[in-house]
Amino acid sequence: MSWPEFWIVVLRVVATFALLLLVTLINVWAERKILADMQNRLGPRRAGPWGILQTVADGLKLFFKEAVIPRRVEIGMYLLAPFLAVVPAFLIFMVVPWGRPFTIGGNEVALQGADLNIGLLFILAMSSLAVYAVVLAGWSSGSKYPLLGGVRATAQAISYEAAMGLAMVAVVMFSATQGDGGTLSLSEIVERQAGTWGDIIPALEPVLRFVPRWNLFPQIVAFVIFFTAIVAETNRAPFDLVEAEQEIVGFHTEYSGMRFAMFFLAEYVNIFSMSAIAATLFLGGWNGPTFEGSVPAIVSGILPTVWFLAKTYLLVFLFIWVRATLPRLRYDQLMQLGWKRLIPGALAWLVLSTAVISFRQFGPPWSS
């Protein structure tokens, strides 16, 4: 690897890290303002213009707050758990392309932390690793209440991660028919959603010429399953049984100061990351009109990132809307939805998708 290539990699990683920190500050403020509007309240409005610096104020408060360590903790695991929550949250977003690649000095720069050819498997691995943070935080605290929260987190993650993975498989199988074979690279999946459905179905070109070639339309059931699963994976309402403030059994009951802030940061980074993954798999990622030749080159270069952020924030808004609308499920309802509805539904949709794709690719089995 040459020095220019090395520094390009470093800049990509730093830019991805900075983007996540920036959007986290915005997301916390946006959630408070949107929830306030939906509940006929004012929300934050004192720290900075329109209260936009409220997140910074909260972070400074937690930074200077005393970090209390309970007497009966397993100190090594207790200190490690917050890092196990934050690190996978950032690594998940590293494989998500958030803009169109461009060229500088003969070197192509991808707006993506790392373009892995096993990107989807990497996402599943990191989301599974994040569960250990919750389990270790609950167990190492030396109290039965956080331990209950950790046990709940384990069962919930196993339930909904299976449905999330099955929904991803359906998208991967469909994407394989839109290009040269199958791929697990998110950048390749985005490229295969370029254009419109009119380009794929010439007979209906006058009707479909303005319909983007997103996986959302043929895989709408997989999208609904995937979105429900990622809401549960991020422990958001109505699936926030892991925290359950009213029952005082949250896994971070015994955490304070910056260690609590790290769990808080990981949750909001995961919300954005999972929304970005959904936008990449189902909404075409950064694909969108760039108006090349009609606008300055710098504008057409920025527009793909603008489309990506717009699609991602549409899904972030759905996260907030669901929180403001639905009450928390009982634990038996949460498990029944995962095991009796989502997983069987995802399996049935995967079988149906396989049958349709096979029929289109190879014809009816009786024809041979």
Protein backbone atom coordinates (compact mmCIF):
# COMPACT_ATOMS: atom_id res chain seq x y z
CA MET A 1 0.00 0.00 0.00
CA SER A 2 1.39 3.38 -1.04
CA TRP A 3 1.38 6.41 1.26
CA PRO A 4 -1.46 8.17 -0.63
CA GLU A 5 -3.60 5.04 -0.34
CA PHE A 6 -2.77 4.77 3.38
CA TRP A 7 -3.82 8.35 4.08
CA ILE A 8 -7.00 7.88 2.05
CA VAL A 9 -7.94 4.94 4.28
CA VAL A 10 -7.18 7.00 7.40
CA LEU A 11 -9.30 9.91 6.13
CA ARG A 12 -12.20 7.58 5.28
CA VAL A 13 -12.20 6.11 8.80
CA VAL A 14 -11.90 9.53 10.48
CA ALA A 15 -14.66 11.00 8.28
CA THR A 16 -16.98 8.07 9.10
CA PHE A 17 -16.26 8.44 12.83
CA ALA A 18 -16.88 12.22 12.70
CA LEU A 19 -20.11 11.74 10.76
CA LEU A 20 -21.44 9.35 13.40
CA LEU A 21 -20.63 11.74 16.25
CA LEU A 22 -22.26 14.64 14.42
CA VAL A 23 -25.46 12.78 13.55
CA THR A 24 -25.71 11.47 17.13
CA LEU A 25 -25.74 15.04 18.44
CA ILE A 26 -28.45 15.89 15.91
CA ASN A 27 -30.47 12.72 16.55
CA VAL A 28 -30.78 13.24 20.31
CA TRP A 29 -31.92 16.83 19.79
CA ALA A 30 -34.27 15.87 16.94
CA GLU A 31 -35.88 13.11 18.98
CA ARG A 32 -36.59 15.45 21.87
CA LYS A 33 -38.04 18.14 19.60
CA ILE A 34 -40.17 15.72 17.57
CA LEU A 35 -41.49 13.96 20.68
CA ALA A 36 -42.25 17.36 22.21
CA ASP A 37 -44.21 18.41 19.11
CA MET A 38 -46.15 15.15 19.07
CA GLN A 39 -46.97 15.53 22.79
CA ASN A 40 -47.78 19.26 22.58
CA ARG A 41 -44.68 20.32 24.53
CA LEU A 42 -41.83 22.76 23.79
CA GLY A 43 -38.84 20.46 24.17
CA PRO A 44 -35.25 21.77 24.58
CA ARG A 45 -34.98 25.46 23.77
CA ARG A 46 -32.44 27.05 26.14
CA ALA A 47 -29.03 25.56 25.26
CA GLY A 48 -28.11 27.24 21.99
CA PRO A 49 -30.43 28.30 19.16
CA TRP A 50 -33.61 26.18 19.21
CA GLY A 51 -31.99 24.11 21.96
CA ILE A 52 -29.63 22.41 19.50
CA LEU A 53 -26.76 22.40 22.02
CA GLN A 54 -28.79 20.46 24.58
CA THR A 55 -26.99 17.23 23.67
CA VAL A 56 -23.61 18.91 24.24
CA ALA A 57 -24.81 20.13 27.64
CA ASP A 58 -25.96 16.62 28.59
CA GLY A 59 -22.63 15.15 27.48
CA LEU A 60 -20.67 17.68 29.56
CA LYS A 61 -22.87 16.96 32.57
CA LEU A 62 -22.22 13.22 32.32
CA PHE A 63 -18.50 13.78 31.70
CA PHE A 64 -18.06 15.69 34.96
CA LYS A 65 -20.47 13.54 36.95
CA GLU A 66 -18.96 11.27 39.58
CA ALA A 67 -18.49 7.69 38.35
CA VAL A 68 -19.81 5.53 41.20
CA ILE A 69 -18.60 1.91 41.28
CA PRO A 70 -20.73 -0.46 43.40
CA ARG A 71 -18.98 -2.56 46.01
CA ARG A 72 -19.80 -6.04 44.62
CA VAL A 73 -18.92 -5.54 40.95
CA GLU A 74 -16.65 -7.75 38.85
CA ILE A 75 -14.44 -4.79 38.09
CA GLY A 76 -12.83 -6.00 34.85
CA MET A 77 -16.09 -6.89 33.09
CA TYR A 78 -17.84 -3.87 34.64
CA LEU A 79 -15.33 -1.49 33.04
CA LEU A 80 -15.17 -3.42 29.75
CA ALA A 81 -18.93 -3.53 29.07
CA PRO A 82 -19.37 0.14 27.98
CA PHE A 83 -16.56 -0.25 25.43
CA LEU A 84 -18.13 -3.44 24.10
CA ALA A 85 -21.28 -1.40 23.52
CA VAL A 86 -19.64 1.55 21.74
CA VAL A 87 -17.04 -0.18 19.54
CA PRO A 88 -19.43 -2.52 17.63
CA ALA A 89 -21.86 0.39 17.19
CA PHE A 90 -19.20 2.36 15.30
CA LEU A 91 -17.84 -0.66 13.42
CA ILE A 92 -21.27 -1.54 12.01
CA PHE A 93 -21.44 1.76 10.14
CA MET A 94 -17.91 1.34 8.75
CA VAL A 95 -19.15 -0.93 5.94
CA VAL A 96 -22.05 1.34 4.91
CA PRO A 97 -21.40 3.51 1.80
CA TRP A 98 -22.70 7.03 2.49
CA GLY A 99 -21.84 8.69 -0.83
CA ARG A 100 -20.69 8.12 -4.38
CA PRO A 101 -16.97 7.36 -4.84
CA PHE A 102 -14.85 10.08 -6.42
CA THR A 103 -11.29 10.33 -7.76
CA ILE A 104 -8.42 12.48 -6.43
CA GLY A 105 -5.03 12.40 -8.12
CA GLY A 106 -5.75 9.11 -9.82
CA ASN A 107 -6.82 7.44 -6.55
CA GLU A 108 -10.46 6.46 -6.06
CA VAL A 109 -11.88 7.56 -2.71
CA ALA A 110 -14.93 5.65 -1.50
CA LEU A 111 -17.15 7.40 1.02
CA GLN A 112 -17.17 4.30 3.17
CA GLY A 113 -15.02 3.21 6.10
CA ALA A 114 -14.24 -0.17 4.54
CA ASP A 115 -15.73 -1.90 1.50
CA LEU A 116 -15.82 -5.52 2.68
CA ASN A 117 -16.97 -8.25 0.32
CA ILE A 118 -18.66 -9.85 3.35
CA GLY A 119 -20.23 -6.61 4.59
CA LEU A 120 -23.58 -8.11 5.62
CA LEU A 121 -21.90 -10.92 7.56
CA PHE A 122 -19.75 -8.30 9.31
CA ILE A 123 -22.90 -6.39 10.32
CA LEU A 124 -24.48 -9.54 11.78
CA ALA A 125 -21.27 -10.36 13.65
CA MET A 126 -21.00 -6.88 15.18
CA SER A 127 -24.67 -6.75 16.17
CA SER A 128 -24.21 -10.12 17.91
CA LEU A 129 -21.10 -8.87 19.69
CA ALA A 130 -23.00 -5.88 21.07
CA VAL A 131 -25.21 -8.25 23.07
CA TYR A 132 -22.21 -9.18 25.21
CA ALA A 133 -21.99 -5.60 26.42
CA VAL A 134 -25.51 -5.76 27.80
CA VAL A 135 -25.06 -9.22 29.33
CA LEU A 136 -21.72 -8.35 30.95
CA ALA A 137 -23.03 -5.01 32.23
CA GLY A 138 -25.95 -6.77 33.90
CA TRP A 139 -23.94 -9.66 35.33
CA SER A 140 -20.86 -7.73 36.49
CA SER A 141 -22.88 -5.15 38.45
CA GLY A 142 -23.36 -7.62 41.30
CA SER A 143 -27.09 -6.91 41.55
CA LYS A 144 -30.02 -9.09 40.54
CA TYR A 145 -31.94 -6.23 38.89
CA PRO A 146 -29.37 -5.40 36.20
CA LEU A 147 -28.87 -9.15 35.75
CA LEU A 148 -32.56 -9.51 34.85
CA GLY A 149 -32.13 -6.77 32.25
CA GLY A 150 -29.12 -8.58 30.78
CA VAL A 151 -31.01 -11.87 30.56
CA ARG A 152 -33.89 -10.13 28.80
CA ALA A 153 -31.46 -8.56 26.34
CA THR A 154 -30.00 -11.95 25.44
CA ALA A 155 -33.36 -13.55 24.69
CA GLN A 156 -34.60 -10.49 22.78
CA ALA A 157 -31.47 -10.21 20.63
CA ILE A 158 -31.52 -13.91 19.71
CA SER A 159 -35.20 -13.69 18.76
CA TYR A 160 -35.05 -10.64 16.53
CA GLU A 161 -31.59 -11.10 15.06
CA ALA A 162 -32.79 -14.31 13.41
CA ALA A 163 -35.63 -12.46 11.69
CA MET A 164 -33.29 -9.63 10.68
CA GLY A 165 -30.83 -12.08 9.12
CA LEU A 166 -33.55 -13.90 7.18
CA ALA A 167 -34.81 -10.59 5.77
CA MET A 168 -31.26 -9.78 4.66
CA VAL A 169 -30.99 -13.16 2.90
CA ALA A 170 -34.10 -12.40 0.84
CA VAL A 171 -32.57 -9.08 -0.29
CA VAL A 172 -29.24 -10.74 -1.14
CA MET A 173 -31.00 -13.38 -3.24
CA PHE A 174 -32.99 -10.77 -5.12
CA SER A 175 -29.90 -8.58 -5.68
CA ALA A 176 -28.14 -11.58 -7.21
CA THR A 177 -30.67 -11.48 -10.07
CA GLN A 178 -29.97 -7.78 -10.69
CA GLY A 179 -26.25 -8.16 -11.38
CA ASP A 180 -23.47 -10.60 -12.05
CA GLY A 181 -24.07 -13.16 -9.31
CA GLY A 182 -24.59 -12.79 -5.58
CA THR A 183 -22.77 -10.32 -3.36
CA LEU A 184 -22.60 -9.40 0.33
CA SER A 185 -20.90 -6.04 -0.34
CA LEU A 186 -23.15 -3.11 0.51
CA SER A 187 -21.58 -0.87 -2.14
CA GLU A 188 -22.36 -3.48 -4.81
CA ILE A 189 -25.95 -3.81 -3.56
CA VAL A 190 -26.32 -0.03 -3.85
CA GLU A 191 -24.97 0.00 -7.41
CA ARG A 192 -27.47 -2.68 -8.43
CA GLN A 193 -30.31 -0.36 -7.40
CA ALA A 194 -29.25 2.42 -9.77
CA GLY A 195 -31.68 3.56 -12.44
CA THR A 196 -35.41 2.90 -12.63
CA TRP A 197 -37.63 -0.13 -13.04
CA GLY A 198 -38.42 1.12 -16.52
CA ASP A 199 -34.85 0.16 -17.51
CA ILE A 200 -35.48 -3.42 -16.35
CA ILE A 201 -39.00 -3.90 -17.71
CA PRO A 202 -39.02 -2.24 -21.18
CA ALA A 203 -42.64 -3.24 -21.82
CA LEU A 204 -43.77 -1.01 -18.93
CA GLU A 205 -41.16 1.71 -19.47
CA PRO A 206 -43.70 4.56 -19.89
CA VAL A 207 -45.25 3.65 -16.53
CA LEU A 208 -42.12 2.72 -14.56
CA ARG A 209 -39.65 5.26 -15.95
CA PHE A 210 -39.97 7.39 -12.79
CA VAL A 211 -40.05 4.49 -10.29
CA PRO A 212 -36.58 4.05 -8.72
CA ARG A 213 -35.06 0.59 -8.87
CA TRP A 214 -35.15 0.09 -5.11
CA ASN A 215 -35.35 -3.33 -3.50
CA LEU A 216 -38.19 -1.95 -1.39
CA PHE A 217 -40.85 -2.60 -4.04
CA PRO A 218 -40.25 -6.31 -4.74
CA GLN A 219 -39.12 -6.96 -1.13
CA ILE A 220 -41.68 -4.92 0.82
CA VAL A 221 -42.42 -7.80 3.22
CA ALA A 222 -38.70 -8.24 3.96
CA PHE A 223 -38.50 -4.49 4.65
CA VAL A 224 -41.33 -4.58 7.19
CA ILE A 225 -39.74 -7.57 8.95
CA PHE A 226 -36.29 -5.99 8.85
CA PHE A 227 -37.47 -2.64 10.21
CA THR A 228 -39.40 -4.30 13.05
CA ALA A 229 -36.34 -6.39 13.89
CA ILE A 230 -33.93 -3.43 13.98
CA VAL A 231 -36.26 -1.50 16.28
CA ALA A 232 -36.09 -4.48 18.65
CA GLU A 233 -32.33 -4.91 18.13
CA THR A 234 -31.69 -1.31 19.20
CA ASN A 235 -33.90 -1.78 22.30
CA ARG A 236 -36.25 1.00 21.29
CA ALA A 237 -39.89 1.39 22.24
CA PRO A 238 -42.09 -0.62 22.13
CA PHE A 239 -39.32 -3.22 22.52
CA ASP A 240 -37.35 -1.47 25.28
CA LEU A 241 -37.86 -4.25 27.85
CA VAL A 242 -34.08 -4.34 28.30
CA GLU A 243 -34.16 -0.93 29.97
CA ALA A 244 -37.68 -0.85 31.43
CA GLU A 245 -37.15 2.25 33.58
CA GLN A 246 -40.44 1.79 35.43
CA GLU A 247 -39.37 -1.64 36.65
CA ILE A 248 -35.79 -0.59 37.59
CA VAL A 249 -34.27 -3.65 35.94
CA GLY A 250 -32.21 -1.91 33.26
CA PHE A 251 -28.79 -3.40 32.58
CA HIS A 252 -27.15 -0.01 33.21
CA THR A 253 -28.84 0.61 36.58
CA GLU A 254 -25.45 0.56 38.33
CA TYR A 255 -23.67 2.82 35.82
CA SER A 256 -23.19 6.59 36.05
CA GLY A 257 -21.07 9.35 34.53
CA MET A 258 -19.21 8.68 31.30
CA ARG A 259 -19.80 4.92 31.44
CA PHE A 260 -23.54 5.51 31.30
CA ALA A 261 -22.96 8.06 28.52
CA MET A 262 -21.20 5.37 26.47
CA PHE A 263 -24.28 3.13 26.59
CA PHE A 264 -26.39 6.16 25.67
CA LEU A 265 -24.06 6.98 22.76
CA ALA A 266 -24.08 3.37 21.52
CA GLU A 267 -27.90 3.32 21.42
CA TYR A 268 -28.19 6.42 19.24
CA VAL A 269 -25.30 5.40 16.98
CA ASN A 270 -27.06 2.05 16.47
CA ILE A 271 -30.31 3.80 15.56
CA PHE A 272 -28.57 5.76 12.80
CA SER A 273 -26.46 2.80 11.67
CA MET A 274 -29.41 0.40 11.40
CA SER A 275 -31.47 3.04 9.59
CA ALA A 276 -28.55 3.55 7.19
CA ILE A 277 -28.34 -0.21 6.56
CA ALA A 278 -32.09 -0.34 5.85
CA ALA A 279 -31.76 2.62 3.46
CA THR A 280 -28.84 0.86 1.74
CA LEU A 281 -30.57 -2.50 1.36
CA PHE A 282 -34.07 -1.31 0.47
CA LEU A 283 -34.03 2.38 -0.57
CA GLY A 284 -31.11 2.47 -2.97
CA GLY A 285 -28.55 3.98 -0.58
CA TRP A 286 -27.00 7.10 -2.10
CA ASN A 287 -28.68 6.60 -5.50
CA GLY A 288 -30.73 9.55 -6.68
CA PRO A 289 -30.82 12.27 -9.34
CA THR A 290 -27.58 14.28 -9.42
CA PHE A 291 -28.57 16.68 -12.26
CA GLU A 292 -25.09 16.47 -13.80
CA GLY A 293 -24.58 19.20 -16.37
CA SER A 294 -27.44 21.28 -14.95
CA VAL A 295 -25.80 22.21 -11.65
CA PRO A 296 -22.18 22.87 -10.59
CA ALA A 297 -20.01 19.77 -10.31
CA ILE A 298 -19.57 20.18 -6.55
CA VAL A 299 -23.34 20.16 -6.07
CA SER A 300 -23.84 17.02 -8.15
CA GLY A 301 -21.00 15.42 -6.17
CA ILE A 302 -22.63 16.21 -2.81
CA LEU A 303 -26.17 15.22 -3.83
CA PRO A 304 -25.62 11.41 -3.42
CA THR A 305 -24.69 11.95 0.24
CA VAL A 306 -27.71 14.22 0.63
CA TRP A 307 -30.01 11.51 -0.76
CA PHE A 308 -28.45 8.94 1.56
CA LEU A 309 -28.94 11.13 4.64
CA ALA A 310 -32.51 12.00 3.59
CA LYS A 311 -33.47 8.32 3.28
CA THR A 312 -31.72 7.45 6.54
CA TYR A 313 -33.40 10.25 8.46
CA LEU A 314 -36.78 9.22 7.08
CA LEU A 315 -36.25 5.88 8.86
CA VAL A 316 -34.89 7.60 11.99
CA PHE A 317 -38.11 9.61 12.04
CA LEU A 318 -40.06 6.33 11.94
CA PHE A 319 -38.10 5.18 15.00
CA ILE A 320 -39.15 8.33 16.85
CA TRP A 321 -42.74 8.14 15.59
CA VAL A 322 -43.09 4.54 16.83
CA ARG A 323 -41.73 5.56 20.24
CA ALA A 324 -44.26 8.38 20.53
CA THR A 325 -47.17 6.19 19.41
CA LEU A 326 -46.93 2.67 20.81
CA PRO A 327 -46.85 1.53 24.45
CA ARG A 328 -44.25 -0.94 25.71
CA LEU A 329 -45.05 -4.58 25.05
CA ARG A 330 -45.23 -7.17 27.79
CA TYR A 331 -42.32 -9.58 27.73
CA ASP A 332 -44.45 -12.52 26.61
CA GLN A 333 -45.88 -10.40 23.79
CA LEU A 334 -42.37 -9.40 22.72
CA MET A 335 -41.21 -13.02 22.54
CA GLN A 336 -44.37 -14.20 20.78
CA LEU A 337 -43.98 -11.51 18.11
CA GLY A 338 -40.40 -12.59 17.49
CA TRP A 339 -40.78 -16.37 17.51
CA LYS A 340 -44.37 -16.85 16.34
CA ARG A 341 -44.74 -14.00 13.84
CA LEU A 342 -41.50 -12.51 12.51
CA ILE A 343 -39.33 -15.62 12.18
CA PRO A 344 -42.05 -17.79 10.54
CA GLY A 345 -43.03 -14.80 8.36
CA ALA A 346 -39.41 -14.23 7.30
CA LEU A 347 -38.97 -17.94 6.51
CA ALA A 348 -42.17 -18.04 4.47
CA TRP A 349 -41.16 -14.91 2.53
CA LEU A 350 -37.69 -16.36 1.91
CA VAL A 351 -39.20 -19.58 0.50
CA LEU A 352 -41.62 -17.59 -1.68
CA SER A 353 -38.83 -15.32 -2.93
CA THR A 354 -36.68 -18.35 -3.72
CA ALA A 355 -39.50 -19.95 -5.70
CA VAL A 356 -40.23 -16.77 -7.70
CA ILE A 357 -36.55 -16.06 -8.41
CA SER A 358 -35.95 -19.68 -9.47
CA PHE A 359 -39.01 -19.58 -11.73
CA ARG A 360 -37.77 -16.39 -13.41
CA GLN A 361 -34.19 -17.59 -13.77
CA PHE A 362 -34.68 -21.21 -14.81
CA GLY A 363 -38.33 -21.53 -15.81
CA PRO A 364 -40.86 -23.99 -14.41
CA PRO A 365 -39.34 -27.28 -13.18
CA TRP A 366 -41.66 -29.31 -15.36
CA SER A 367 -40.34 -27.66 -18.56
CA SER A 368 -37.17 -29.79 -18.47
